[in-house]
PDB file of N, CA and C in Angstrom:
ATOM      1  N   MET A   1      74.445 177.314  54.796  1.00  0.00           N
ATOM      2  CA  MET A   1      75.888 177.272  54.076  1.00  0.00           C
ATOM      3  C   MET A   1      76.986 176.282  54.763  1.00  0.00           C
ATOM      4  N   ARG A   2      76.945 176.795  55.919  1.00  0.00           N
ATOM      5  CA  ARG A   2      78.078 175.966  56.895  1.00  0.00           C
ATOM      6  C   ARG A   2      77.791 174.375  56.810  1.00  0.00           C
ATOM      7  N   THR A   3      76.426 174.094  56.822  1.00  0.00           N
ATOM      8  CA  THR A   3      76.150 172.605  56.805  1.00  0.00           C
ATOM      9  C   THR A   3      76.501 172.027  55.514  1.00  0.00           C
ATOM     10  N   SER A   4      76.176 172.594  54.299  1.00  0.00           N
ATOM     11  CA  SER A   4      76.401 172.114  53.081  1.00  0.00           C
ATOM     12  C   SER A   4      77.980 172.067  52.912  1.00  0.00           C
ATOM     13  N   CYS A   5      78.796 173.006  53.289  1.00  0.00           N
ATOM     14  CA  CYS A   5      80.234 172.866  53.123  1.00  0.00           C
ATOM     15  C   CYS A   5      80.659 171.752  53.983  1.00  0.00           C
ATOM     16  N   LEU A   6      80.379 171.552  55.325  1.00  0.00           N
ATOM     17  CA  LEU A   6      80.773 170.443  55.969  1.00  0.00           C
ATOM     18  C   LEU A   6      80.333 169.126  55.409  1.00  0.00           C
ATOM     19  N   ALA A   7      79.086 169.002  54.867  1.00  0.00           N
ATOM     20  CA  ALA A   7      78.835 168.016  54.244  1.00  0.00           C
ATOM     21  C   ALA A   7      79.568 167.493  53.030  1.00  0.00           C
ATOM     22  N   LEU A   8      79.957 168.528  52.204  1.00  0.00           N
ATOM     23  CA  LEU A   8      80.809 168.343  50.985  1.00  0.00           C
ATOM     24  C   LEU A   8      82.319 167.852  51.525  1.00  0.00           C
ATOM     25  N   ALA A   9      82.676 168.472  52.669  1.00  0.00           N
ATOM     26  CA  ALA A   9      84.063 168.093  53.086  1.00  0.00           C
ATOM     27  C   ALA A   9      84.128 166.592  53.596  1.00  0.00           C
ATOM     28  N   LEU A  10      82.969 166.156  54.270  1.00  0.00           N
ATOM     29  CA  LEU A  10      82.927 164.748  54.741  1.00  0.00           C
ATOM     30  C   LEU A  10      82.798 163.614  53.426  1.00  0.00           C
ATOM     31  N   VAL A  11      82.282 164.126  52.424  1.00  0.00           N
ATOM     32  CA  VAL A  11      82.073 163.328  51.309  1.00  0.00           C
ATOM     33  C   VAL A  11      83.485 163.059  50.776  1.00  0.00           C
ATOM     34  N   LEU A  12      84.199 164.255  50.672  1.00  0.00           N
ATOM     35  CA  LEU A  12      85.504 164.199  50.063  1.00  0.00           C
ATOM     36  C   LEU A  12      86.520 163.676  50.903  1.00  0.00           C
ATOM     37  N   ALA A  13      86.225 163.385  52.221  1.00  0.00           N
ATOM     38  CA  ALA A  13      87.374 162.879  53.291  1.00  0.00           C
ATOM     39  C   ALA A  13      88.244 162.009  52.782  1.00  0.00           C
ATOM     40  N   GLY A  14      89.346 162.197  52.878  1.00  0.00           N
ATOM     41  CA  GLY A  14      90.504 161.241  52.448  1.00  0.00           C
ATOM     42  C   GLY A  14      90.398 160.614  51.206  1.00  0.00           C
ATOM     43  N   CYS A  15      90.455 161.339  50.041  1.00  0.00           N
ATOM     44  CA  CYS A  15      90.355 160.627  48.720  1.00  0.00           C
ATOM     45  C   CYS A  15      91.406 159.757  48.702  1.00  0.00           C
ATOM     46  N   SER A  16      92.714 159.785  49.048  1.00  0.00           N
ATOM     47  CA  SER A  16      93.771 159.028  48.857  1.00  0.00           C
ATOM     48  C   SER A  16      93.669 157.699  49.723  1.00  0.00           C
ATOM     49  N   ILE A  17      93.214 157.865  50.903  1.00  0.00           N
ATOM     50  CA  ILE A  17      92.993 156.548  51.762  1.00  0.00           C
ATOM     51  C   ILE A  17      92.083 155.589  51.113  1.00  0.00           C
ATOM     52  N   ILE A  18      90.871 156.312  50.602  1.00  0.00           N
ATOM     53  CA  ILE A  18      89.831 155.611  50.157  1.00  0.00           C
ATOM     54  C   ILE A  18      89.928 155.166  48.629  1.00  0.00           C
ATOM     55  N   GLY A  19      90.583 156.091  47.845  1.00  0.00           N
ATOM     56  CA  GLY A  19      90.678 155.787  46.353  1.00  0.00           C
ATOM     57  C   GLY A  19      92.076 155.283  45.806  1.00  0.00           C
ATOM     58  N   THR A  20      92.751 154.924  46.770  1.00  0.00           N
ATOM     59  CA  THR A  20      94.144 154.183  46.160  1.00  0.00           C
ATOM     60  C   THR A  20      94.219 152.942  46.837  1.00  0.00           C
ATOM     61  N   ARG A  21      94.817 152.139  45.889  1.00  0.00           N
ATOM     62  CA  ARG A  21      95.134 150.599  46.357  1.00  0.00           C
ATOM     63  C   ARG A  21      96.686 150.380  46.370  1.00  0.00           C
ATOM     64  N   SER A  22      96.820 149.726  47.465  1.00  0.00           N
ATOM     65  CA  SER A  22      98.318 149.407  47.820  1.00  0.00           C
ATOM     66  C   SER A  22      98.902 148.302  47.036  1.00  0.00           C
ATOM     67  N   VAL A  23     100.253 148.107  46.945  1.00  0.00           N
ATOM     68  CA  VAL A  23     100.808 147.005  46.298  1.00  0.00           C
ATOM     69  C   VAL A  23     100.643 145.877  47.364  1.00  0.00           C
ATOM     70  N   ALA A  24     100.953 146.123  48.577  1.00  0.00           N
ATOM     71  CA  ALA A  24     100.733 144.855  49.405  1.00  0.00           C
ATOM     72  C   ALA A  24      99.476 144.425  49.487  1.00  0.00           C
ATOM     73  N   GLN A  25      98.369 145.088  49.243  1.00  0.00           N
ATOM     74  CA  GLN A  25      97.181 144.402  49.343  1.00  0.00           C
ATOM     75  C   GLN A  25      96.600 143.768  47.912  1.00  0.00           C
ATOM     76  N   TYR A  26      96.953 144.702  46.763  1.00  0.00           N
ATOM     77  CA  TYR A  26      96.394 144.275  45.514  1.00  0.00           C
ATOM     78  C   TYR A  26      97.458 143.988  44.588  1.00  0.00           C
ATOM     79  N   GLY A  27      98.680 143.942  44.773  1.00  0.00           N
ATOM     80  CA  GLY A  27      99.884 143.416  43.987  1.00  0.00           C
ATOM     81  C   GLY A  27      99.954 144.603  43.044  1.00  0.00           C
ATOM     82  N   ALA A  28     101.199 144.388  42.223  1.00  0.00           N
ATOM     83  CA  ALA A  28     101.732 145.288  41.271  1.00  0.00           C
ATOM     84  C   ALA A  28     100.610 145.526  40.074  1.00  0.00           C
ATOM     85  N   GLU A  29      99.966 144.411  39.631  1.00  0.00           N
ATOM     86  CA  GLU A  29      99.146 144.610  38.825  1.00  0.00           C
ATOM     87  C   GLU A  29      97.752 145.400  38.879  1.00  0.00           C
ATOM     88  N   LYS A  30      97.244 145.327  40.031  1.00  0.00           N
ATOM     89  CA  LYS A  30      95.970 146.176  40.391  1.00  0.00           C
ATOM     90  C   LYS A  30      96.207 147.320  41.322  1.00  0.00           C
ATOM     91  N   CYS A  31      97.355 147.781  41.780  1.00  0.00           N
ATOM     92  CA  CYS A  31      97.694 148.842  42.577  1.00  0.00           C
ATOM     93  C   CYS A  31      97.420 150.258  41.792  1.00  0.00           C
ATOM     94  N   THR A  32      97.444 151.253  42.582  1.00  0.00           N
ATOM     95  CA  THR A  32      97.084 152.588  42.065  1.00  0.00           C
ATOM     96  C   THR A  32      98.390 153.240  41.722  1.00  0.00           C
ATOM     97  N   THR A  33      98.527 153.819  40.261  1.00  0.00           N
ATOM     98  CA  THR A  33      99.714 154.593  39.927  1.00  0.00           C
ATOM     99  C   THR A  33      99.269 156.055  40.089  1.00  0.00           C
ATOM    100  N   SER A  34      97.940 156.332  39.875  1.00  0.00           N
ATOM    101  CA  SER A  34      97.537 157.639  39.622  1.00  0.00           C
ATOM    102  C   SER A  34      97.705 158.578  41.091  1.00  0.00           C
ATOM    103  N   VAL A  35      98.352 159.809  41.042  1.00  0.00           N
ATOM    104  CA  VAL A  35      98.466 160.682  42.081  1.00  0.00           C
ATOM    105  C   VAL A  35      97.291 161.568  42.201  1.00  0.00           C
ATOM    106  N   PHE A  36      96.096 161.280  41.325  1.00  0.00           N
ATOM    107  CA  PHE A  36      95.092 162.345  41.436  1.00  0.00           C
ATOM    108  C   PHE A  36      94.348 162.353  42.731  1.00  0.00           C
ATOM    109  N   PRO A  37      94.116 161.237  43.538  1.00  0.00           N
ATOM    110  CA  PRO A  37      93.449 161.440  44.771  1.00  0.00           C
ATOM    111  C   PRO A  37      94.347 162.093  45.943  1.00  0.00           C
ATOM    112  N   ALA A  38      95.718 161.981  45.586  1.00  0.00           N
ATOM    113  CA  ALA A  38      96.602 162.574  46.667  1.00  0.00           C
ATOM    114  C   ALA A  38      96.585 164.111  46.216  1.00  0.00           C
ATOM    115  N   ALA A  39      96.596 164.349  44.898  1.00  0.00           N
ATOM    116  CA  ALA A  39      96.630 165.956  44.637  1.00  0.00           C
ATOM    117  C   ALA A  39      95.258 166.518  44.996  1.00  0.00           C
ATOM    118  N   ALA A  40      94.206 165.765  44.987  1.00  0.00           N
ATOM    119  CA  ALA A  40      92.890 166.413  45.393  1.00  0.00           C
ATOM    120  C   ALA A  40      93.001 166.736  47.007  1.00  0.00           C
ATOM    121  N   ASP A  41      93.563 165.778  47.734  1.00  0.00           N
ATOM    122  CA  ASP A  41      93.698 165.999  49.071  1.00  0.00           C
ATOM    123  C   ASP A  41      94.758 167.259  49.568  1.00  0.00           C
ATOM    124  N   THR A  42      95.687 167.328  48.538  1.00  0.00           N
ATOM    125  CA  THR A  42      96.580 168.529  48.723  1.00  0.00           C
ATOM    126  C   THR A  42      95.912 169.595  48.486  1.00  0.00           C
ATOM    127  N   LEU A  43      95.104 169.769  47.464  1.00  0.00           N
ATOM    128  CA  LEU A  43      94.254 171.003  47.101  1.00  0.00           C
ATOM    129  C   LEU A  43      93.270 171.340  48.267  1.00  0.00           C
ATOM    130  N   THR A  44      92.775 170.254  48.951  1.00  0.00           N
ATOM    131  CA  THR A  44      91.831 170.492  50.058  1.00  0.00           C
ATOM    132  C   THR A  44      92.674 171.043  51.433  1.00  0.00           C
ATOM    133  N   VAL A  45      93.923 170.587  51.557  1.00  0.00           N
ATOM    134  CA  VAL A  45      94.865 171.056  52.495  1.00  0.00           C
ATOM    135  C   VAL A  45      95.092 172.645  52.283  1.00  0.00           C
ATOM    136  N   ALA A  46      95.424 172.839  50.932  1.00  0.00           N
ATOM    137  CA  ALA A  46      95.636 174.284  50.766  1.00  0.00           C
ATOM    138  C   ALA A  46      94.550 175.157  50.893  1.00  0.00           C
ATOM    139  N   GLY A  47      93.432 174.838  50.503  1.00  0.00           N
ATOM    140  CA  GLY A  47      92.160 175.481  50.689  1.00  0.00           C
ATOM    141  C   GLY A  47      91.876 175.786  52.184  1.00  0.00           C
ATOM    142  N   ALA A  48      92.021 174.714  53.093  1.00  0.00           N
ATOM    143  CA  ALA A  48      91.838 174.969  54.560  1.00  0.00           C
ATOM    144  C   ALA A  48      92.819 175.920  55.051  1.00  0.00           C
ATOM    145  N   ILE A  49      94.104 175.722  54.586  1.00  0.00           N
ATOM    146  CA  ILE A  49      95.145 176.735  55.121  1.00  0.00           C
ATOM    147  C   ILE A  49      94.770 178.180  54.647  1.00  0.00           C
ATOM    148  N   ALA A  50      94.293 178.336  53.303  1.00  0.00           N
ATOM    149  CA  ALA A  50      93.985 179.584  52.912  1.00  0.00           C
ATOM    150  C   ALA A  50      92.648 180.256  53.742  1.00  0.00           C
ATOM    151  N   PHE A  51      91.728 179.256  54.069  1.00  0.00           N
ATOM    152  CA  PHE A  51      90.475 179.595  54.735  1.00  0.00           C
ATOM    153  C   PHE A  51      90.864 180.151  56.213  1.00  0.00           C
ATOM    154  N   ALA A  52      91.651 179.226  56.901  1.00  0.00           N
ATOM    155  CA  ALA A  52      91.908 179.424  58.258  1.00  0.00           C
ATOM    156  C   ALA A  52      92.830 180.990  58.271  1.00  0.00           C
ATOM    157  N   THR A  53      93.724 181.209  57.468  1.00  0.00           N
ATOM    158  CA  THR A  53      94.354 182.316  57.361  1.00  0.00           C
ATOM    159  C   THR A  53      93.283 183.456  57.092  1.00  0.00           C
ATOM    160  N   TYR A  54      92.633 183.295  56.147  1.00  0.00           N
ATOM    161  CA  TYR A  54      91.496 184.440  56.106  1.00  0.00           C
ATOM    162  C   TYR A  54      90.661 184.630  57.311  1.00  0.00           C
ATOM    163  N   ALA A  55      90.183 183.713  57.825  1.00  0.00           N
ATOM    164  CA  ALA A  55      89.188 183.614  58.923  1.00  0.00           C
ATOM    165  C   ALA A  55      90.123 184.334  60.188  1.00  0.00           C
ATOM    166  N   SER A  56      91.357 183.959  60.380  1.00  0.00           N
ATOM    167  CA  SER A  56      92.184 184.773  61.447  1.00  0.00           C
ATOM    168  C   SER A  56      92.450 186.254  61.294  1.00  0.00           C
ATOM    169  N   LEU A  57      92.515 186.471  60.037  1.00  0.00           N
ATOM    170  CA  LEU A  57      92.913 187.928  59.771  1.00  0.00           C
ATOM    171  C   LEU A  57      91.625 188.829  59.648  1.00  0.00           C
ATOM    172  N   GLU A  58      90.587 188.249  58.942  1.00  0.00           N
ATOM    173  CA  GLU A  58      89.613 189.029  58.508  1.00  0.00           C
ATOM    174  C   GLU A  58      88.168 188.961  59.249  1.00  0.00           C
ATOM    175  N   MET A  59      88.061 187.800  60.017  1.00  0.00           N
ATOM    176  CA  MET A  59      86.697 187.616  60.590  1.00  0.00           C
ATOM    177  C   MET A  59      86.781 187.864  62.080  1.00  0.00           C
ATOM    178  N   GLN A  60      86.972 189.051  62.579  1.00  0.00           N
ATOM    179  CA  GLN A  60      87.094 189.315  64.089  1.00  0.00           C
ATOM    180  C   GLN A  60      85.794 189.064  64.727  1.00  0.00           C
ATOM    181  N   ASP A  61      84.649 189.239  64.103  1.00  0.00           N
ATOM    182  CA  ASP A  61      83.267 189.169  64.816  1.00  0.00           C
ATOM    183  C   ASP A  61      82.805 187.596  64.785  1.00  0.00           C
ATOM    184  N   VAL A  62      83.754 186.746  64.432  1.00  0.00           N
ATOM    185  CA  VAL A  62      83.258 185.170  64.225  1.00  0.00           C
ATOM    186  C   VAL A  62      83.834 184.402  65.477  1.00  0.00           C
ATOM    187  N   ASP A  63      83.221 183.530  65.917  1.00  0.00           N
ATOM    188  CA  ASP A  63      83.778 182.796  67.225  1.00  0.00           C
ATOM    189  C   ASP A  63      85.020 181.980  66.935  1.00  0.00           C
ATOM    190  N   HIS A  64      85.645 182.004  65.744  1.00  0.00           N
ATOM    191  CA  HIS A  64      86.763 181.332  65.287  1.00  0.00           C
ATOM    192  C   HIS A  64      86.823 179.765  65.351  1.00  0.00           C
ATOM    193  N   ILE A  65      85.499 179.156  65.364  1.00  0.00           N
ATOM    194  CA  ILE A  65      85.468 177.840  65.245  1.00  0.00           C
ATOM    195  C   ILE A  65      86.094 177.304  63.988  1.00  0.00           C
ATOM    196  N   ALA A  66      86.221 178.148  63.115  1.00  0.00           N
ATOM    197  CA  ALA A  66      86.681 177.750  61.703  1.00  0.00           C
ATOM    198  C   ALA A  66      88.097 177.367  61.663  1.00  0.00           C
ATOM    199  N   ILE A  67      88.866 178.054  62.734  1.00  0.00           N
ATOM    200  CA  ILE A  67      90.482 177.714  62.644  1.00  0.00           C
ATOM    201  C   ILE A  67      90.561 176.312  63.100  1.00  0.00           C
ATOM    202  N   PRO A  68      89.960 175.909  64.155  1.00  0.00           N
ATOM    203  CA  PRO A  68      90.238 174.422  64.713  1.00  0.00           C
ATOM    204  C   PRO A  68      89.693 173.419  63.658  1.00  0.00           C
ATOM    205  N   VAL A  69      88.637 173.780  63.060  1.00  0.00           N
ATOM    206  CA  VAL A  69      87.966 172.795  61.930  1.00  0.00           C
ATOM    207  C   VAL A  69      89.082 172.687  60.801  1.00  0.00           C
ATOM    208  N   ALA A  70      89.669 173.879  60.361  1.00  0.00           N
ATOM    209  CA  ALA A  70      90.501 173.982  59.247  1.00  0.00           C
ATOM    210  C   ALA A  70      91.649 173.186  59.830  1.00  0.00           C
ATOM    211  N   THR A  71      92.206 173.286  60.962  1.00  0.00           N
ATOM    212  CA  THR A  71      93.377 172.703  61.311  1.00  0.00           C
ATOM    213  C   THR A  71      93.254 171.077  61.455  1.00  0.00           C
ATOM    214  N   GLY A  72      92.017 170.637  61.816  1.00  0.00           N
ATOM    215  CA  GLY A  72      91.592 169.124  61.719  1.00  0.00           C
ATOM    216  C   GLY A  72      91.531 168.766  60.228  1.00  0.00           C
ATOM    217  N   VAL A  73      91.135 169.583  59.440  1.00  0.00           N
ATOM    218  CA  VAL A  73      91.126 169.094  57.893  1.00  0.00           C
ATOM    219  C   VAL A  73      92.328 169.047  57.401  1.00  0.00           C
ATOM    220  N   VAL A  74      93.302 169.870  57.816  1.00  0.00           N
ATOM    221  CA  VAL A  74      94.782 170.080  57.365  1.00  0.00           C
ATOM    222  C   VAL A  74      95.334 168.744  57.770  1.00  0.00           C
ATOM    223  N   VAL A  75      95.141 168.240  59.097  1.00  0.00           N
ATOM    224  CA  VAL A  75      95.909 167.154  59.724  1.00  0.00           C
ATOM    225  C   VAL A  75      95.328 165.970  58.992  1.00  0.00           C
ATOM    226  N   ILE A  76      94.011 165.682  58.787  1.00  0.00           N
ATOM    227  CA  ILE A  76      93.366 164.413  58.262  1.00  0.00           C
ATOM    228  C   ILE A  76      93.703 164.381  56.793  1.00  0.00           C
ATOM    229  N   TRP A  77      93.474 165.383  56.037  1.00  0.00           N
ATOM    230  CA  TRP A  77      93.560 165.321  54.628  1.00  0.00           C
ATOM    231  C   TRP A  77      95.266 165.397  54.351  1.00  0.00           C
ATOM    232  N   GLY A  78      95.933 165.979  55.129  1.00  0.00           N
ATOM    233  CA  GLY A  78      97.549 166.013  54.894  1.00  0.00           C
ATOM    234  C   GLY A  78      98.032 164.395  55.012  1.00  0.00           C
ATOM    235  N   ILE A  79      97.533 163.749  56.076  1.00  0.00           N
ATOM    236  CA  ILE A  79      97.804 162.463  56.197  1.00  0.00           C
ATOM    237  C   ILE A  79      97.279 161.507  55.054  1.00  0.00           C
ATOM    238  N   SER A  80      96.131 161.821  54.538  1.00  0.00           N
ATOM    239  CA  SER A  80      95.613 160.982  53.458  1.00  0.00           C
ATOM    240  C   SER A  80      96.516 161.332  52.280  1.00  0.00           C
ATOM    241  N   ALA A  81      96.891 162.543  51.976  1.00  0.00           N
ATOM    242  CA  ALA A  81      97.750 163.038  50.811  1.00  0.00           C
ATOM    243  C   ALA A  81      99.083 162.103  50.770  1.00  0.00           C
ATOM    244  N   ILE A  82      99.703 161.994  51.950  1.00  0.00           N
ATOM    245  CA  ILE A  82     100.860 161.404  52.121  1.00  0.00           C
ATOM    246  C   ILE A  82     100.729 159.977  51.829  1.00  0.00           C
ATOM    247  N   VAL A  83      99.787 159.391  52.424  1.00  0.00           N
ATOM    248  CA  VAL A  83      99.322 157.909  52.032  1.00  0.00           C
ATOM    249  C   VAL A  83      99.159 157.908  50.486  1.00  0.00           C
ATOM    250  N   GLY A  84      98.526 158.616  49.926  1.00  0.00           N
ATOM    251  CA  GLY A  84      98.079 158.490  48.529  1.00  0.00           C
ATOM    252  C   GLY A  84      99.439 158.736  47.758  1.00  0.00           C
ATOM    253  N   TYR A  85     100.382 159.643  47.848  1.00  0.00           N
ATOM    254  CA  TYR A  85     101.565 159.816  47.212  1.00  0.00           C
ATOM    255  C   TYR A  85     102.424 158.585  47.444  1.00  0.00           C
ATOM    256  N   SER A  86     102.626 158.052  48.688  1.00  0.00           N
ATOM    257  CA  SER A  86     103.175 156.900  48.973  1.00  0.00           C
ATOM    258  C   SER A  86     102.884 155.755  48.096  1.00  0.00           C
ATOM    259  N   ARG A  87     101.602 155.365  48.398  1.00  0.00           N
ATOM    260  CA  ARG A  87     101.148 154.215  47.583  1.00  0.00           C
ATOM    261  C   ARG A  87     101.412 154.316  45.986  1.00  0.00           C
ATOM    262  N   ALA A  88     101.215 155.604  45.414  1.00  0.00           N
ATOM    263  CA  ALA A  88     101.345 155.686  44.090  1.00  0.00           C
ATOM    264  C   ALA A  88     102.713 155.403  43.652  1.00  0.00           C
ATOM    265  N   THR A  89     103.669 155.889  44.374  1.00  0.00           N
ATOM    266  CA  THR A  89     105.188 155.907  44.209  1.00  0.00           C
ATOM    267  C   THR A  89     105.584 154.317  44.369  1.00  0.00           C
ATOM    268  N   THR A  90     105.155 153.662  45.404  1.00  0.00           N
ATOM    269  CA  THR A  90     105.451 152.257  45.658  1.00  0.00           C
ATOM    270  C   THR A  90     104.719 151.434  44.497  1.00  0.00           C
ATOM    271  N   CYS A  91     103.679 151.722  44.024  1.00  0.00           N
ATOM    272  CA  CYS A  91     102.998 150.970  42.990  1.00  0.00           C
ATOM    273  C   CYS A  91     103.871 151.106  41.780  1.00  0.00           C
ATOM    274  N   LYS A  92     104.214 152.398  41.469  1.00  0.00           N
ATOM    275  CA  LYS A  92     105.165 152.589  40.253  1.00  0.00           C
ATOM    276  C   LYS A  92     106.442 151.782  40.186  1.00  0.00           C
ATOM    277  N   ARG A  93     106.960 151.808  41.461  1.00  0.00           N
ATOM    278  CA  ARG A  93     108.313 151.171  41.506  1.00  0.00           C
ATOM    279  C   ARG A  93     108.015 149.542  41.345  1.00  0.00           C
ATOM    280  N   ALA A  94     107.050 149.109  42.008  1.00  0.00           N
ATOM    281  CA  ALA A  94     106.634 147.645  41.835  1.00  0.00           C
ATOM    282  C   ALA A  94     106.638 147.333  40.372  1.00  0.00           C
ATOM    283  N   ARG A  95     105.752 148.134  39.713  1.00  0.00           N
ATOM    284  CA  ARG A  95     105.314 148.049  38.319  1.00  0.00           C
ATOM    285  C   ARG A  95     106.794 147.768  37.451  1.00  0.00           C
ATOM    286  N   ILE A  96     107.577 148.814  37.794  1.00  0.00           N
ATOM    287  CA  ILE A  96     108.879 148.838  37.015  1.00  0.00           C
ATOM    288  C   ILE A  96     109.584 147.701  37.307  1.00  0.00           C
ATOM    289  N   ARG A  97     109.705 147.055  38.593  1.00  0.00           N
ATOM    290  CA  ARG A  97     110.496 145.925  38.909  1.00  0.00           C
ATOM    291  C   ARG A  97     110.025 144.731  38.150  1.00  0.00           C
ATOM    292  N   GLU A  98     108.603 144.703  38.106  1.00  0.00           N
ATOM    293  CA  GLU A  98     108.078 143.478  37.237  1.00  0.00           C
ATOM    294  C   GLU A  98     107.772 143.680  35.793  1.00  0.00           C
ATOM    295  N   GLY A  99     108.422 144.882  35.265  1.00  0.00           N
ATOM    296  CA  GLY A  99     108.269 144.901  33.888  1.00  0.00           C
ATOM    297  C   GLY A  99     106.891 145.451  33.437  1.00  0.00           C
ATOM    298  N   LEU A 100     105.989 146.047  34.121  1.00  0.00           N
ATOM    299  CA  LEU A 100     104.747 146.284  33.641  1.00  0.00           C
ATOM    300  C   LEU A 100     104.770 147.798  33.441  1.00  0.00           C
ATOM    301  N   ALA A 101     103.846 148.200  32.444  1.00  0.00           N
ATOM    302  CA  ALA A 101     103.743 149.661  32.160  1.00  0.00           C
ATOM    303  C   ALA A 101     102.808 150.273  33.132  1.00  0.00           C
ATOM    304  N   TYR A 102     103.015 151.574  33.397  1.00  0.00           N
ATOM    305  CA  TYR A 102     102.150 152.283  34.231  1.00  0.00           C
ATOM    306  C   TYR A 102     101.787 153.624  33.508  1.00  0.00           C
TER     307      TYR A 102
END
């Protein structure tokens, strides 16, 4: 179970960093305006926080490796979410400046 959860987490790692395109690299026509990847990262962060809280309160007989792992997930996916929201916002502003719909 732990291995499959870790594998799923690694597959979904950093949706915003991988799944969004910046204005600087792709231009206003091809950049990403959707915040869906950033929202997915935000949900991952919320789940990791909930899991770490549960692990620290209810799992006394566990070695608590879950808490450092959850903290790492929060940091990595949190940064990814910030990047995703920033790219989408910058793209929307650039598209508005150039008169393009988003």
